[in-house]
Amino acid sequence: MVTDPQTACFEAGIKFGTLYHQFAGTPVSPDSARSLERAMAEAIENQPYCESVSVHILDGALEAELAESAADYTELTGRFMEVEMEIDYEGVRVRTRMEMEDGYPLMELVSVE
C-alpha cells in the first residue's frame, strides 16, 4: 500500500518533470526572464496538490551566456534557474527545490512533513 507521504513525493516529482521538460529549450532573454518565471510558476500551480511554485531565472548566468553570443537570447536550461515547490497531499506537505550541482539540475526533497 502506498502511503500519503510517498504519494506526496511522487506528486512533487511529476510537477518537477513537467516544469523542466515543458520549458527546457524555451527562448529566454533578460527582457523576457520575469514573464517566463511567472508563466512557468502559474502553469505548474494549476496541477493538483500544488500549493506554490517559485521560479527564479538567474540573471547573472543568463547574461554571461549572452555575452559570448551573437544572439540576444538563449535556450532555457537548468543552469539558468532555481525552482522551489510546495506540494500538499492529504495534509502531507512536501518542500522541494532544484539547483545546479556538479553541472546537473538536481531536483531534491527538502522536507516531508
PDB file of N, CA and C in Angstrom:
ATOM      1  N   MET A   1       0.843  -1.188   0.000  1.00  0.00           N
ATOM      2  CA  MET A   1       0.000   0.000   0.000  1.00  0.00           C
ATOM      3  C   MET A   1       0.885   1.247   0.000  1.00  0.00           C
ATOM      4  N   VAL A   2       0.555   2.185  -0.856  1.00  0.00           N
ATOM      5  CA  VAL A   2       1.303   3.429  -0.960  1.00  0.00           C
ATOM      6  C   VAL A   2       0.815   4.379   0.134  1.00  0.00           C
ATOM      7  N   THR A   3       1.754   5.013   0.823  1.00  0.00           N
ATOM      8  CA  THR A   3       1.401   5.934   1.907  1.00  0.00           C
ATOM      9  C   THR A   3       1.165   7.339   1.355  1.00  0.00           C
ATOM     10  N   ASP A   4       0.516   8.178   2.154  1.00  0.00           N
ATOM     11  CA  ASP A   4       0.304   9.572   1.756  1.00  0.00           C
ATOM     12  C   ASP A   4       1.632  10.306   1.546  1.00  0.00           C
ATOM     13  N   PRO A   5       2.639  10.151   2.429  1.00  0.00           N
ATOM     14  CA  PRO A   5       3.921  10.807   2.158  1.00  0.00           C
ATOM     15  C   PRO A   5       4.563  10.341   0.840  1.00  0.00           C
ATOM     16  N   GLN A   6       4.451   9.069   0.527  1.00  0.00           N
ATOM     17  CA  GLN A   6       5.010   8.580  -0.742  1.00  0.00           C
ATOM     18  C   GLN A   6       4.271   9.207  -1.927  1.00  0.00           C
ATOM     19  N   THR A   7       2.966   9.293  -1.831  1.00  0.00           N
ATOM     20  CA  THR A   7       2.187   9.899  -2.911  1.00  0.00           C
ATOM     21  C   THR A   7       2.521  11.381  -3.046  1.00  0.00           C
ATOM     22  N   ALA A   8       2.687  12.076  -1.929  1.00  0.00           N
ATOM     23  CA  ALA A   8       3.044  13.495  -1.973  1.00  0.00           C
ATOM     24  C   ALA A   8       4.398  13.694  -2.659  1.00  0.00           C
ATOM     25  N   CYS A   9       5.352  12.829  -2.367  1.00  0.00           N
ATOM     26  CA  CYS A   9       6.672  12.906  -3.012  1.00  0.00           C
ATOM     27  C   CYS A   9       6.562  12.603  -4.503  1.00  0.00           C
ATOM     28  N   PHE A  10       5.752  11.626  -4.851  1.00  0.00           N
ATOM     29  CA  PHE A  10       5.514  11.309  -6.262  1.00  0.00           C
ATOM     30  C   PHE A  10       4.933  12.524  -6.985  1.00  0.00           C
ATOM     31  N   GLU A  11       3.956  13.182  -6.374  1.00  0.00           N
ATOM     32  CA  GLU A  11       3.344  14.369  -6.968  1.00  0.00           C
ATOM     33  C   GLU A  11       4.391  15.460  -7.192  1.00  0.00           C
ATOM     34  N   ALA A  12       5.293  15.628  -6.247  1.00  0.00           N
ATOM     35  CA  ALA A  12       6.358  16.622  -6.417  1.00  0.00           C
ATOM     36  C   ALA A  12       7.227  16.271  -7.620  1.00  0.00           C
ATOM     37  N   GLY A  13       7.555  15.011  -7.767  1.00  0.00           N
ATOM     38  CA  GLY A  13       8.367  14.575  -8.901  1.00  0.00           C
ATOM     39  C   GLY A  13       7.676  14.820 -10.230  1.00  0.00           C
ATOM     40  N   ILE A  14       6.394  14.555 -10.279  1.00  0.00           N
ATOM     41  CA  ILE A  14       5.619  14.788 -11.502  1.00  0.00           C
ATOM     42  C   ILE A  14       5.663  16.266 -11.872  1.00  0.00           C
ATOM     43  N   LYS A  15       5.504  17.123 -10.887  1.00  0.00           N
ATOM     44  CA  LYS A  15       5.488  18.552 -11.169  1.00  0.00           C
ATOM     45  C   LYS A  15       6.849  19.036 -11.647  1.00  0.00           C
ATOM     46  N   PHE A  16       7.931  18.543 -11.037  1.00  0.00           N
ATOM     47  CA  PHE A  16       9.273  18.931 -11.493  1.00  0.00           C
ATOM     48  C   PHE A  16       9.532  18.444 -12.913  1.00  0.00           C
ATOM     49  N   GLY A  17       9.147  17.210 -13.200  1.00  0.00           N
ATOM     50  CA  GLY A  17       9.337  16.686 -14.549  1.00  0.00           C
ATOM     51  C   GLY A  17       8.577  17.506 -15.571  1.00  0.00           C
ATOM     52  N   THR A  18       7.359  17.875 -15.230  1.00  0.00           N
ATOM     53  CA  THR A  18       6.551  18.696 -16.125  1.00  0.00           C
ATOM     54  C   THR A  18       7.191  20.056 -16.335  1.00  0.00           C
ATOM     55  N   LEU A  19       7.581  20.705 -15.249  1.00  0.00           N
ATOM     56  CA  LEU A  19       8.172  22.035 -15.351  1.00  0.00           C
ATOM     57  C   LEU A  19       9.431  21.999 -16.208  1.00  0.00           C
ATOM     58  N   TYR A  20      10.321  21.093 -15.896  1.00  0.00           N
ATOM     59  CA  TYR A  20      11.605  21.083 -16.597  1.00  0.00           C
ATOM     60  C   TYR A  20      11.435  20.723 -18.069  1.00  0.00           C
ATOM     61  N   HIS A  21      10.723  19.668 -18.349  1.00  0.00           N
ATOM     62  CA  HIS A  21      10.655  19.196 -19.730  1.00  0.00           C
ATOM     63  C   HIS A  21       9.683  19.992 -20.591  1.00  0.00           C
ATOM     64  N   GLN A  22       8.754  20.677 -19.978  1.00  0.00           N
ATOM     65  CA  GLN A  22       7.868  21.538 -20.745  1.00  0.00           C
ATOM     66  C   GLN A  22       8.576  22.816 -21.165  1.00  0.00           C
ATOM     67  N   PHE A  23       9.440  23.344 -20.313  1.00  0.00           N
ATOM     68  CA  PHE A  23      10.030  24.653 -20.572  1.00  0.00           C
ATOM     69  C   PHE A  23      11.485  24.618 -21.024  1.00  0.00           C
ATOM     70  N   ALA A  24      12.186  23.521 -20.866  1.00  0.00           N
ATOM     71  CA  ALA A  24      13.567  23.442 -21.355  1.00  0.00           C
ATOM     72  C   ALA A  24      13.566  23.700 -22.856  1.00  0.00           C
ATOM     73  N   GLY A  25      14.446  24.558 -23.280  1.00  0.00           N
ATOM     74  CA  GLY A  25      14.539  24.907 -24.693  1.00  0.00           C
ATOM     75  C   GLY A  25      13.769  26.164 -25.064  1.00  0.00           C
ATOM     76  N   THR A  26      12.981  26.693 -24.128  1.00  0.00           N
ATOM     77  CA  THR A  26      12.240  27.927 -24.399  1.00  0.00           C
ATOM     78  C   THR A  26      13.221  29.077 -24.604  1.00  0.00           C
ATOM     79  N   PRO A  27      13.044  29.882 -25.636  1.00  0.00           N
ATOM     80  CA  PRO A  27      13.910  31.047 -25.807  1.00  0.00           C
ATOM     81  C   PRO A  27      13.739  31.997 -24.620  1.00  0.00           C
ATOM     82  N   VAL A  28      14.859  32.469 -24.076  1.00  0.00           N
ATOM     83  CA  VAL A  28      14.814  33.377 -22.930  1.00  0.00           C
ATOM     84  C   VAL A  28      15.882  34.456 -23.102  1.00  0.00           C
ATOM     85  N   SER A  29      15.524  35.650 -22.702  1.00  0.00           N
ATOM     86  CA  SER A  29      16.444  36.783 -22.715  1.00  0.00           C
ATOM     87  C   SER A  29      16.269  37.532 -21.397  1.00  0.00           C
ATOM     88  N   PRO A  30      17.167  38.456 -21.103  1.00  0.00           N
ATOM     89  CA  PRO A  30      16.961  39.249 -19.885  1.00  0.00           C
ATOM     90  C   PRO A  30      15.614  39.978 -19.882  1.00  0.00           C
ATOM     91  N   ASP A  31      15.162  40.402 -21.050  1.00  0.00           N
ATOM     92  CA  ASP A  31      13.886  41.115 -21.126  1.00  0.00           C
ATOM     93  C   ASP A  31      12.674  40.218 -20.887  1.00  0.00           C
ATOM     94  N   SER A  32      12.795  38.930 -21.192  1.00  0.00           N
ATOM     95  CA  SER A  32      11.649  38.024 -21.044  1.00  0.00           C
ATOM     96  C   SER A  32      11.715  37.158 -19.792  1.00  0.00           C
ATOM     97  N   ALA A  33      12.793  37.245 -19.036  1.00  0.00           N
ATOM     98  CA  ALA A  33      13.011  36.340 -17.897  1.00  0.00           C
ATOM     99  C   ALA A  33      11.884  36.417 -16.861  1.00  0.00           C
ATOM    100  N   ARG A  34      11.465  37.612 -16.468  1.00  0.00           N
ATOM    101  CA  ARG A  34      10.438  37.720 -15.415  1.00  0.00           C
ATOM    102  C   ARG A  34       9.109  37.150 -15.887  1.00  0.00           C
ATOM    103  N   SER A  35       8.723  37.441 -17.121  1.00  0.00           N
ATOM    104  CA  SER A  35       7.431  36.917 -17.591  1.00  0.00           C
ATOM    105  C   SER A  35       7.489  35.400 -17.746  1.00  0.00           C
ATOM    106  N   LEU A  36       8.651  34.860 -18.121  1.00  0.00           N
ATOM    107  CA  LEU A  36       8.794  33.413 -18.226  1.00  0.00           C
ATOM    108  C   LEU A  36       8.732  32.768 -16.842  1.00  0.00           C
ATOM    109  N   GLU A  37       9.358  33.397 -15.846  1.00  0.00           N
ATOM    110  CA  GLU A  37       9.267  32.883 -14.467  1.00  0.00           C
ATOM    111  C   GLU A  37       7.804  32.756 -14.039  1.00  0.00           C
ATOM    112  N   ARG A  38       7.044  33.827 -14.275  1.00  0.00           N
ATOM    113  CA  ARG A  38       5.622  33.825 -13.879  1.00  0.00           C
ATOM    114  C   ARG A  38       4.842  32.765 -14.638  1.00  0.00           C
ATOM    115  N   ALA A  39       5.072  32.654 -15.936  1.00  0.00           N
ATOM    116  CA  ALA A  39       4.341  31.675 -16.743  1.00  0.00           C
ATOM    117  C   ALA A  39       4.632  30.259 -16.276  1.00  0.00           C
ATOM    118  N   MET A  40       5.884  29.968 -15.973  1.00  0.00           N
ATOM    119  CA  MET A  40       6.251  28.631 -15.508  1.00  0.00           C
ATOM    120  C   MET A  40       5.567  28.318 -14.185  1.00  0.00           C
ATOM    121  N   ALA A  41       5.662  29.246 -13.243  1.00  0.00           N
ATOM    122  CA  ALA A  41       5.066  29.029 -11.928  1.00  0.00           C
ATOM    123  C   ALA A  41       3.556  28.855 -12.034  1.00  0.00           C
ATOM    124  N   GLU A  42       2.902  29.727 -12.790  1.00  0.00           N
ATOM    125  CA  GLU A  42       1.454  29.657 -12.905  1.00  0.00           C
ATOM    126  C   GLU A  42       0.998  28.375 -13.602  1.00  0.00           C
ATOM    127  N   ALA A  43       1.755  27.916 -14.578  1.00  0.00           N
ATOM    128  CA  ALA A  43       1.394  26.680 -15.278  1.00  0.00           C
ATOM    129  C   ALA A  43       1.442  25.491 -14.326  1.00  0.00           C
ATOM    130  N   ILE A  44       2.488  25.398 -13.523  1.00  0.00           N
ATOM    131  CA  ILE A  44       2.646  24.260 -12.626  1.00  0.00           C
ATOM    132  C   ILE A  44       1.662  24.353 -11.458  1.00  0.00           C
ATOM    133  N   GLU A  45       1.371  25.554 -10.993  1.00  0.00           N
ATOM    134  CA  GLU A  45       0.419  25.713  -9.894  1.00  0.00           C
ATOM    135  C   GLU A  45      -0.982  25.246 -10.268  1.00  0.00           C
ATOM    136  N   ASN A  46      -1.272  25.105 -11.551  1.00  0.00           N
ATOM    137  CA  ASN A  46      -2.571  24.574 -11.985  1.00  0.00           C
ATOM    138  C   ASN A  46      -2.733  23.104 -11.637  1.00  0.00           C
ATOM    139  N   GLN A  47      -1.650  22.396 -11.436  1.00  0.00           N
ATOM    140  CA  GLN A  47      -1.713  20.955 -11.208  1.00  0.00           C
ATOM    141  C   GLN A  47      -2.243  20.642  -9.801  1.00  0.00           C
ATOM    142  N   PRO A  48      -2.887  19.489  -9.659  1.00  0.00           N
ATOM    143  CA  PRO A  48      -3.439  19.109  -8.352  1.00  0.00           C
ATOM    144  C   PRO A  48      -2.359  19.046  -7.271  1.00  0.00           C
ATOM    145  N   TYR A  49      -2.740  19.452  -6.077  1.00  0.00           N
ATOM    146  CA  TYR A  49      -1.931  19.364  -4.857  1.00  0.00           C
ATOM    147  C   TYR A  49      -0.772  20.356  -4.827  1.00  0.00           C
ATOM    148  N   CYS A  50      -0.620  21.188  -5.826  1.00  0.00           N
ATOM    149  CA  CYS A  50       0.485  22.139  -5.855  1.00  0.00           C
ATOM    150  C   CYS A  50       0.063  23.396  -5.104  1.00  0.00           C
ATOM    151  N   GLU A  51       0.750  23.676  -4.011  1.00  0.00           N
ATOM    152  CA  GLU A  51       0.437  24.844  -3.192  1.00  0.00           C
ATOM    153  C   GLU A  51       1.157  26.090  -3.674  1.00  0.00           C
ATOM    154  N   SER A  52       2.432  25.947  -4.052  1.00  0.00           N
ATOM    155  CA  SER A  52       3.184  27.110  -4.523  1.00  0.00           C
ATOM    156  C   SER A  52       4.387  26.671  -5.346  1.00  0.00           C
ATOM    157  N   VAL A  53       4.769  27.540  -6.261  1.00  0.00           N
ATOM    158  CA  VAL A  53       5.948  27.339  -7.101  1.00  0.00           C
ATOM    159  C   VAL A  53       6.666  28.670  -7.198  1.00  0.00           C
ATOM    160  N   SER A  54       7.970  28.641  -7.028  1.00  0.00           N
ATOM    161  CA  SER A  54       8.799  29.824  -7.197  1.00  0.00           C
ATOM    162  C   SER A  54       9.880  29.491  -8.218  1.00  0.00           C
ATOM    163  N   VAL A  55       9.904  30.242  -9.303  1.00  0.00           N
ATOM    164  CA  VAL A  55      10.908  30.066 -10.344  1.00  0.00           C
ATOM    165  C   VAL A  55      11.742  31.338 -10.395  1.00  0.00           C
ATOM    166  N   HIS A  56      13.057  31.176 -10.328  1.00  0.00           N
ATOM    167  CA  HIS A  56      13.960  32.324 -10.410  1.00  0.00           C
ATOM    168  C   HIS A  56      14.966  32.064 -11.523  1.00  0.00           C
ATOM    169  N   ILE A  57      14.891  32.858 -12.580  1.00  0.00           N
ATOM    170  CA  ILE A  57      15.874  32.765 -13.658  1.00  0.00           C
ATOM    171  C   ILE A  57      17.078  33.597 -13.237  1.00  0.00           C
ATOM    172  N   LEU A  58      18.231  32.984 -13.298  1.00  0.00           N
ATOM    173  CA  LEU A  58      19.467  33.591 -12.800  1.00  0.00           C
ATOM    174  C   LEU A  58      20.029  34.581 -13.812  1.00  0.00           C
ATOM    175  N   ASP A  59      19.821  35.852 -13.533  1.00  0.00           N
ATOM    176  CA  ASP A  59      20.229  36.898 -14.463  1.00  0.00           C
ATOM    177  C   ASP A  59      21.726  36.854 -14.780  1.00  0.00           C
ATOM    178  N   GLY A  60      22.543  36.650 -13.767  1.00  0.00           N
ATOM    179  CA  GLY A  60      23.995  36.632 -13.978  1.00  0.00           C
ATOM    180  C   GLY A  60      24.422  35.529 -14.926  1.00  0.00           C
ATOM    181  N   ALA A  61      23.874  34.340 -14.736  1.00  0.00           N
ATOM    182  CA  ALA A  61      24.220  33.211 -15.609  1.00  0.00           C
ATOM    183  C   ALA A  61      23.712  33.456 -17.022  1.00  0.00           C
ATOM    184  N   LEU A  62      22.529  34.021 -17.139  1.00  0.00           N
ATOM    185  CA  LEU A  62      21.947  34.323 -18.446  1.00  0.00           C
ATOM    186  C   LEU A  62      22.787  35.377 -19.174  1.00  0.00           C
ATOM    187  N   GLU A  63      23.154  36.427 -18.469  1.00  0.00           N
ATOM    188  CA  GLU A  63      23.955  37.493 -19.076  1.00  0.00           C
ATOM    189  C   GLU A  63      25.344  37.001 -19.474  1.00  0.00           C
ATOM    190  N   ALA A  64      25.932  36.132 -18.661  1.00  0.00           N
ATOM    191  CA  ALA A  64      27.244  35.572 -19.007  1.00  0.00           C
ATOM    192  C   ALA A  64      27.155  34.741 -20.285  1.00  0.00           C
ATOM    193  N   GLU A  65      26.098  33.972 -20.428  1.00  0.00           N
ATOM    194  CA  GLU A  65      25.888  33.167 -21.637  1.00  0.00           C
ATOM    195  C   GLU A  65      25.743  34.061 -22.863  1.00  0.00           C
ATOM    196  N   LEU A  66      24.981  35.132 -22.725  1.00  0.00           N
ATOM    197  CA  LEU A  66      24.713  36.018 -23.858  1.00  0.00           C
ATOM    198  C   LEU A  66      25.905  36.894 -24.208  1.00  0.00           C
ATOM    199  N   ALA A  67      26.798  37.122 -23.253  1.00  0.00           N
ATOM    200  CA  ALA A  67      27.981  37.946 -23.521  1.00  0.00           C
ATOM    201  C   ALA A  67      28.874  37.307 -24.585  1.00  0.00           C
ATOM    202  N   GLU A  68      28.826  36.006 -24.695  1.00  0.00           N
ATOM    203  CA  GLU A  68      29.663  35.285 -25.653  1.00  0.00           C
ATOM    204  C   GLU A  68      28.870  34.840 -26.885  1.00  0.00           C
ATOM    205  N   SER A  69      27.723  35.449 -27.105  1.00  0.00           N
ATOM    206  CA  SER A  69      26.846  35.027 -28.195  1.00  0.00           C
ATOM    207  C   SER A  69      26.498  36.215 -29.088  1.00  0.00           C
ATOM    208  N   ALA A  70      26.280  35.936 -30.352  1.00  0.00           N
ATOM    209  CA  ALA A  70      25.823  36.977 -31.274  1.00  0.00           C
ATOM    210  C   ALA A  70      24.322  37.215 -31.118  1.00  0.00           C
ATOM    211  N   ALA A  71      23.611  36.265 -30.537  1.00  0.00           N
ATOM    212  CA  ALA A  71      22.161  36.382 -30.354  1.00  0.00           C
ATOM    213  C   ALA A  71      21.847  37.144 -29.070  1.00  0.00           C
ATOM    214  N   ASP A  72      20.620  37.641 -28.976  1.00  0.00           N
ATOM    215  CA  ASP A  72      20.212  38.349 -27.759  1.00  0.00           C
ATOM    216  C   ASP A  72      19.298  37.493 -26.886  1.00  0.00           C
ATOM    217  N   TYR A  73      19.270  36.184 -27.143  1.00  0.00           N
ATOM    218  CA  TYR A  73      18.527  35.238 -26.322  1.00  0.00           C
ATOM    219  C   TYR A  73      19.257  33.903 -26.361  1.00  0.00           C
ATOM    220  N   THR A  74      18.874  33.015 -25.450  1.00  0.00           N
ATOM    221  CA  THR A  74      19.410  31.660 -25.433  1.00  0.00           C
ATOM    222  C   THR A  74      18.292  30.706 -25.070  1.00  0.00           C
ATOM    223  N   GLU A  75      18.591  29.423 -25.035  1.00  0.00           N
ATOM    224  CA  GLU A  75      17.594  28.426 -24.648  1.00  0.00           C
ATOM    225  C   GLU A  75      17.633  28.218 -23.140  1.00  0.00           C
ATOM    226  N   LEU A  76      16.476  28.142 -22.531  1.00  0.00           N
ATOM    227  CA  LEU A  76      16.382  27.901 -21.095  1.00  0.00           C
ATOM    228  C   LEU A  76      16.834  26.481 -20.770  1.00  0.00           C
ATOM    229  N   THR A  77      17.736  26.359 -19.813  1.00  0.00           N
ATOM    230  CA  THR A  77      18.154  25.064 -19.278  1.00  0.00           C
ATOM    231  C   THR A  77      18.206  25.191 -17.757  1.00  0.00           C
ATOM    232  N   GLY A  78      18.445  24.085 -17.095  1.00  0.00           N
ATOM    233  CA  GLY A  78      18.507  24.080 -15.643  1.00  0.00           C
ATOM    234  C   GLY A  78      19.570  24.990 -15.067  1.00  0.00           C
ATOM    235  N   ARG A  79      20.626  25.238 -15.816  1.00  0.00           N
ATOM    236  CA  ARG A  79      21.702  26.082 -15.262  1.00  0.00           C
ATOM    237  C   ARG A  79      21.305  27.542 -15.152  1.00  0.00           C
ATOM    238  N   PHE A  80      20.182  27.914 -15.747  1.00  0.00           N
ATOM    239  CA  PHE A  80      19.730  29.295 -15.685  1.00  0.00           C
ATOM    240  C   PHE A  80      18.607  29.517 -14.677  1.00  0.00           C
ATOM    241  N   MET A  81      18.229  28.484 -13.901  1.00  0.00           N
ATOM    242  CA  MET A  81      17.100  28.697 -12.999  1.00  0.00           C
ATOM    243  C   MET A  81      17.234  27.931 -11.684  1.00  0.00           C
ATOM    244  N   GLU A  82      16.559  28.485 -10.691  1.00  0.00           N
ATOM    245  CA  GLU A  82      16.367  27.833  -9.404  1.00  0.00           C
ATOM    246  C   GLU A  82      14.858  27.764  -9.188  1.00  0.00           C
ATOM    247  N   VAL A  83      14.403  26.629  -8.681  1.00  0.00           N
ATOM    248  CA  VAL A  83      12.964  26.412  -8.515  1.00  0.00           C
ATOM    249  C   VAL A  83      12.704  25.847  -7.123  1.00  0.00           C
ATOM    250  N   GLU A  84      11.646  26.317  -6.499  1.00  0.00           N
ATOM    251  CA  GLU A  84      11.159  25.745  -5.243  1.00  0.00           C
ATOM    252  C   GLU A  84       9.675  25.456  -5.413  1.00  0.00           C
ATOM    253  N   MET A  85       9.241  24.336  -4.821  1.00  0.00           N
ATOM    254  CA  MET A  85       7.826  23.957  -4.883  1.00  0.00           C
ATOM    255  C   MET A  85       7.366  23.461  -3.532  1.00  0.00           C
ATOM    256  N   GLU A  86       6.084  23.641  -3.315  1.00  0.00           N
ATOM    257  CA  GLU A  86       5.454  23.090  -2.121  1.00  0.00           C
ATOM    258  C   GLU A  86       4.200  22.337  -2.566  1.00  0.00           C
ATOM    259  N   ILE A  87       4.131  21.081  -2.166  1.00  0.00           N
ATOM    260  CA  ILE A  87       3.023  20.199  -2.508  1.00  0.00           C
ATOM    261  C   ILE A  87       2.297  19.839  -1.211  1.00  0.00           C
ATOM    262  N   ASP A  88       0.969  19.781  -1.261  1.00  0.00           N
ATOM    263  CA  ASP A  88       0.190  19.352  -0.104  1.00  0.00           C
ATOM    264  C   ASP A  88      -0.767  18.252  -0.559  1.00  0.00           C
ATOM    265  N   TYR A  89      -0.519  17.045  -0.085  1.00  0.00           N
ATOM    266  CA  TYR A  89      -1.372  15.907  -0.421  1.00  0.00           C
ATOM    267  C   TYR A  89      -1.893  15.303   0.875  1.00  0.00           C
ATOM    268  N   GLU A  90      -3.197  15.381   1.066  1.00  0.00           N
ATOM    269  CA  GLU A  90      -3.845  14.797   2.249  1.00  0.00           C
ATOM    270  C   GLU A  90      -3.158  15.213   3.549  1.00  0.00           C
ATOM    271  N   GLY A  91      -2.784  16.501   3.626  1.00  0.00           N
ATOM    272  CA  GLY A  91      -2.157  17.016   4.834  1.00  0.00           C
ATOM    273  C   GLY A  91      -0.663  16.768   4.946  1.00  0.00           C
ATOM    274  N   VAL A  92      -0.071  16.101   3.988  1.00  0.00           N
ATOM    275  CA  VAL A  92       1.383  15.898   3.958  1.00  0.00           C
ATOM    276  C   VAL A  92       1.963  17.003   3.084  1.00  0.00           C
ATOM    277  N   ARG A  93       2.833  17.800   3.671  1.00  0.00           N
ATOM    278  CA  ARG A  93       3.442  18.920   2.963  1.00  0.00           C
ATOM    279  C   ARG A  93       4.866  18.539   2.555  1.00  0.00           C
ATOM    280  N   VAL A  94       5.131  18.644   1.250  1.00  0.00           N
ATOM    281  CA  VAL A  94       6.442  18.324   0.696  1.00  0.00           C
ATOM    282  C   VAL A  94       7.045  19.609   0.145  1.00  0.00           C
ATOM    283  N   ARG A  95       8.262  19.896   0.548  1.00  0.00           N
ATOM    284  CA  ARG A  95       9.003  21.050   0.019  1.00  0.00           C
ATOM    285  C   ARG A  95      10.161  20.517  -0.821  1.00  0.00           C
ATOM    286  N   THR A  96      10.329  21.122  -1.987  1.00  0.00           N
ATOM    287  CA  THR A  96      11.348  20.658  -2.926  1.00  0.00           C
ATOM    288  C   THR A  96      12.100  21.855  -3.485  1.00  0.00           C
ATOM    289  N   ARG A  97      13.234  21.570  -4.143  1.00  0.00           N
ATOM    290  CA  ARG A  97      13.962  22.622  -4.843  1.00  0.00           C
ATOM    291  C   ARG A  97      14.796  22.004  -5.958  1.00  0.00           C
ATOM    292  N   MET A  98      15.141  22.844  -6.903  1.00  0.00           N
ATOM    293  CA  MET A  98      16.039  22.449  -7.980  1.00  0.00           C
ATOM    294  C   MET A  98      17.154  23.471  -8.047  1.00  0.00           C
ATOM    295  N   GLU A  99      18.381  22.974  -7.993  1.00  0.00           N
ATOM    296  CA  GLU A  99      19.569  23.808  -8.116  1.00  0.00           C
ATOM    297  C   GLU A  99      20.609  23.016  -8.887  1.00  0.00           C
ATOM    298  N   MET A 100      21.543  23.725  -9.443  1.00  0.00           N
ATOM    299  CA  MET A 100      22.637  23.056 -10.145  1.00  0.00           C
ATOM    300  C   MET A 100      23.595  22.446  -9.125  1.00  0.00           C
ATOM    301  N   GLU A 101      23.997  21.216  -9.390  1.00  0.00           N
ATOM    302  CA  GLU A 101      25.006  20.551  -8.571  1.00  0.00           C
ATOM    303  C   GLU A 101      25.914  19.766  -9.509  1.00  0.00           C
ATOM    304  N   ASP A 102      27.173  20.139  -9.521  1.00  0.00           N
ATOM    305  CA  ASP A 102      28.154  19.494 -10.402  1.00  0.00           C
ATOM    306  C   ASP A 102      27.706  19.508 -11.862  1.00  0.00           C
ATOM    307  N   GLY A 103      27.141  20.639 -12.304  1.00  0.00           N
ATOM    308  CA  GLY A 103      26.739  20.793 -13.686  1.00  0.00           C
ATOM    309  C   GLY A 103      25.427  20.139 -14.056  1.00  0.00           C
ATOM    310  N   TYR A 104      24.685  19.648 -13.074  1.00  0.00           N
ATOM    311  CA  TYR A 104      23.427  18.950 -13.340  1.00  0.00           C
ATOM    312  C   TYR A 104      22.294  19.612 -12.553  1.00  0.00           C
ATOM    313  N   PRO A 105      21.110  19.819 -13.172  1.00  0.00           N
ATOM    314  CA  PRO A 105      19.994  20.395 -12.427  1.00  0.00           C
ATOM    315  C   PRO A 105      19.375  19.353 -11.496  1.00  0.00           C
ATOM    316  N   LEU A 106      19.773  19.396 -10.244  1.00  0.00           N
ATOM    317  CA  LEU A 106      19.339  18.410  -9.261  1.00  0.00           C
ATOM    318  C   LEU A 106      18.031  18.833  -8.628  1.00  0.00           C
ATOM    319  N   MET A 107      17.034  17.962  -8.706  1.00  0.00           N
ATOM    320  CA  MET A 107      15.739  18.198  -8.088  1.00  0.00           C
ATOM    321  C   MET A 107      15.696  17.352  -6.823  1.00  0.00           C
ATOM    322  N   GLU A 108      15.453  17.998  -5.688  1.00  0.00           N
ATOM    323  CA  GLU A 108      15.551  17.254  -4.436  1.00  0.00           C
ATOM    324  C   GLU A 108      14.433  17.597  -3.463  1.00  0.00           C
ATOM    325  N   LEU A 109      14.156  16.637  -2.590  1.00  0.00           N
ATOM    326  CA  LEU A 109      13.235  16.861  -1.484  1.00  0.00           C
ATOM    327  C   LEU A 109      13.962  17.638  -0.404  1.00  0.00           C
ATOM    328  N   VAL A 110      13.340  18.678   0.087  1.00  0.00           N
ATOM    329  CA  VAL A 110      13.895  19.452   1.196  1.00  0.00           C
ATOM    330  C   VAL A 110      13.299  18.956   2.502  1.00  0.00           C
ATOM    331  N   SER A 111      11.977  18.718   2.494  1.00  0.00           N
ATOM    332  CA  SER A 111      11.325  18.213   3.697  1.00  0.00           C
ATOM    333  C   SER A 111      10.003  17.542   3.339  1.00  0.00           C
ATOM    334  N   VAL A 112       9.606  16.624   4.202  1.00  0.00           N
ATOM    335  CA  VAL A 112       8.308  15.960   4.120  1.00  0.00           C
ATOM    336  C   VAL A 112       7.723  16.046   5.522  1.00  0.00           C
ATOM    337  N   GLU A 113       6.613  16.752   5.672  1.00  0.00           N
ATOM    338  CA  GLU A 113       6.032  16.974   6.999  1.00  0.00           C
ATOM    339  C   GLU A 113       4.592  16.501   7.049  1.00  0.00           C
TER     340      GLU A 113
END
